[in-house]
């Protein structure tokens, strides 16, 4: 992350546009995620990855990450019927409450 942040600062000082810097930031995060999860897959033989949580509301990051994962032979699972952020959390809390109540 340090190298990424230093590169962003260099680019900003060099007058690069905020859009270009932001795009490279997102691309770098997606590439790092793909690399990390590929290494974990090699260690664990698990190739299915669940992408959940509020960060995946960022459609650019989601698209770039999914492309990286698929390119590396990983299988991403995405939200379809429940939102990845607070709405999904609320649904999970409700389900846990029903379960705890014996329902």
Protein backbone atom coordinates (compact mmCIF):
# COMPACT_ATOMS: atom_id res chain seq x y z
CA UNK A 1 0.00 0.00 0.00
CA UNK A 2 2.86 2.35 0.73
CA UNK A 3 4.13 2.10 -2.85
CA UNK A 4 0.63 2.70 -4.17
CA UNK A 5 0.12 5.80 -2.04
CA UNK A 6 3.55 7.16 -2.95
CA UNK A 7 2.77 6.66 -6.65
CA UNK A 8 -0.51 8.51 -6.22
CA UNK A 9 1.31 11.43 -4.59
CA UNK A 10 3.92 11.50 -7.36
CA UNK A 11 1.19 11.51 -9.99
CA UNK A 12 -0.70 14.29 -8.23
CA UNK A 13 2.44 16.41 -7.94
CA UNK A 14 3.13 15.78 -11.63
CA UNK A 15 -0.29 17.19 -12.51
CA UNK A 16 -2.03 13.93 -13.44
CA UNK A 17 -5.81 14.21 -13.44
CA UNK A 18 -7.74 13.00 -10.41
CA UNK A 19 -9.66 10.62 -12.66
CA UNK A 20 -6.48 8.97 -13.94
CA UNK A 21 -5.06 8.66 -10.45
CA UNK A 22 -8.33 7.24 -9.14
CA UNK A 23 -8.58 4.69 -11.95
CA UNK A 24 -5.02 3.47 -11.38
CA UNK A 25 -5.75 3.24 -7.65
CA UNK A 26 -8.78 1.03 -8.27
CA UNK A 27 -6.90 -1.07 -10.83
CA UNK A 28 -4.04 -1.56 -8.39
CA UNK A 29 -6.40 -2.66 -5.62
CA UNK A 30 -8.13 -5.14 -7.92
CA UNK A 31 -4.79 -6.54 -9.10
CA UNK A 32 -3.55 -6.90 -5.52
CA UNK A 33 -6.76 -8.67 -4.55
CA UNK A 34 -6.45 -11.02 -7.52
CA UNK A 35 -2.84 -11.79 -6.67
CA UNK A 36 -3.56 -12.41 -2.98
CA UNK A 37 -6.56 -14.62 -3.66
CA UNK A 38 -4.66 -16.58 -6.30
CA UNK A 39 -1.97 -17.31 -3.74
CA UNK A 40 -4.59 -18.37 -1.20
CA UNK A 41 -6.25 -20.61 -3.78
CA UNK A 42 -2.92 -22.28 -4.47
CA UNK A 43 -2.45 -22.91 -0.75
CA UNK A 44 -6.00 -24.02 0.06
CA UNK A 45 -7.35 -25.37 -3.25
CA UNK A 46 -10.44 -23.16 -2.70
CA UNK A 47 -11.27 -21.19 -5.82
CA UNK A 48 -14.66 -19.71 -4.91
CA UNK A 49 -14.54 -16.19 -3.48
CA UNK A 50 -17.49 -14.35 -1.87
CA UNK A 51 -17.39 -10.60 -2.43
CA UNK A 52 -19.55 -9.13 0.30
CA UNK A 53 -19.69 -5.93 2.29
CA UNK A 54 -20.14 -2.27 1.60
CA UNK A 55 -16.94 -1.85 -0.40
CA UNK A 56 -18.57 -3.79 -3.24
CA UNK A 57 -21.10 -1.01 -3.75
CA UNK A 58 -18.22 0.63 -5.63
CA UNK A 59 -19.16 -0.61 -9.11
CA UNK A 60 -15.77 0.23 -10.64
CA UNK A 61 -13.86 -1.71 -8.01
CA UNK A 62 -16.34 -4.59 -8.25
CA UNK A 63 -16.02 -4.80 -12.04
CA UNK A 64 -12.22 -4.65 -11.96
CA UNK A 65 -11.99 -7.21 -9.14
CA UNK A 66 -14.35 -9.65 -10.85
CA UNK A 67 -12.32 -9.39 -14.06
CA UNK A 68 -9.10 -10.06 -12.15
CA UNK A 69 -10.56 -13.04 -10.31
CA UNK A 70 -12.07 -14.64 -13.41
CA UNK A 71 -8.83 -14.04 -15.35
CA UNK A 72 -6.97 -15.91 -12.60
CA UNK A 73 -9.38 -18.85 -12.61
CA UNK A 74 -11.25 -17.88 -9.48
CA UNK A 75 -15.04 -17.97 -9.14
CA UNK A 76 -16.47 -14.81 -7.56
CA UNK A 77 -19.82 -14.93 -5.78
CA UNK A 78 -21.77 -11.66 -5.88
CA UNK A 79 -24.91 -10.36 -4.25
CA UNK A 80 -28.00 -10.78 -6.38
CA UNK A 81 -31.11 -10.39 -4.21
CA UNK A 82 -29.70 -8.70 -1.11
CA UNK A 83 -27.57 -5.54 -1.09
CA UNK A 84 -23.92 -5.91 -0.06
CA UNK A 85 -24.09 -3.22 2.62
CA UNK A 86 -26.42 -2.33 5.51
CA UNK A 87 -29.50 -3.86 3.91
CA UNK A 88 -27.83 -7.26 3.83
CA UNK A 89 -26.54 -6.80 7.35
CA UNK A 90 -30.05 -5.98 8.56
CA UNK A 91 -31.45 -9.06 6.85
CA UNK A 92 -28.79 -11.21 8.50
CA UNK A 93 -29.58 -9.72 11.90
CA UNK A 94 -33.28 -10.40 11.39
CA UNK A 95 -32.57 -13.99 10.36
CA UNK A 96 -30.35 -14.48 13.43
CA UNK A 97 -33.09 -13.06 15.68
CA UNK A 98 -35.69 -15.42 14.20
CA UNK A 99 -33.32 -18.34 14.63
CA UNK A 100 -32.52 -17.36 18.24
CA UNK A 101 -36.23 -17.13 19.00
CA UNK A 102 -36.68 -20.69 17.81
CA UNK A 103 -38.26 -19.75 14.50
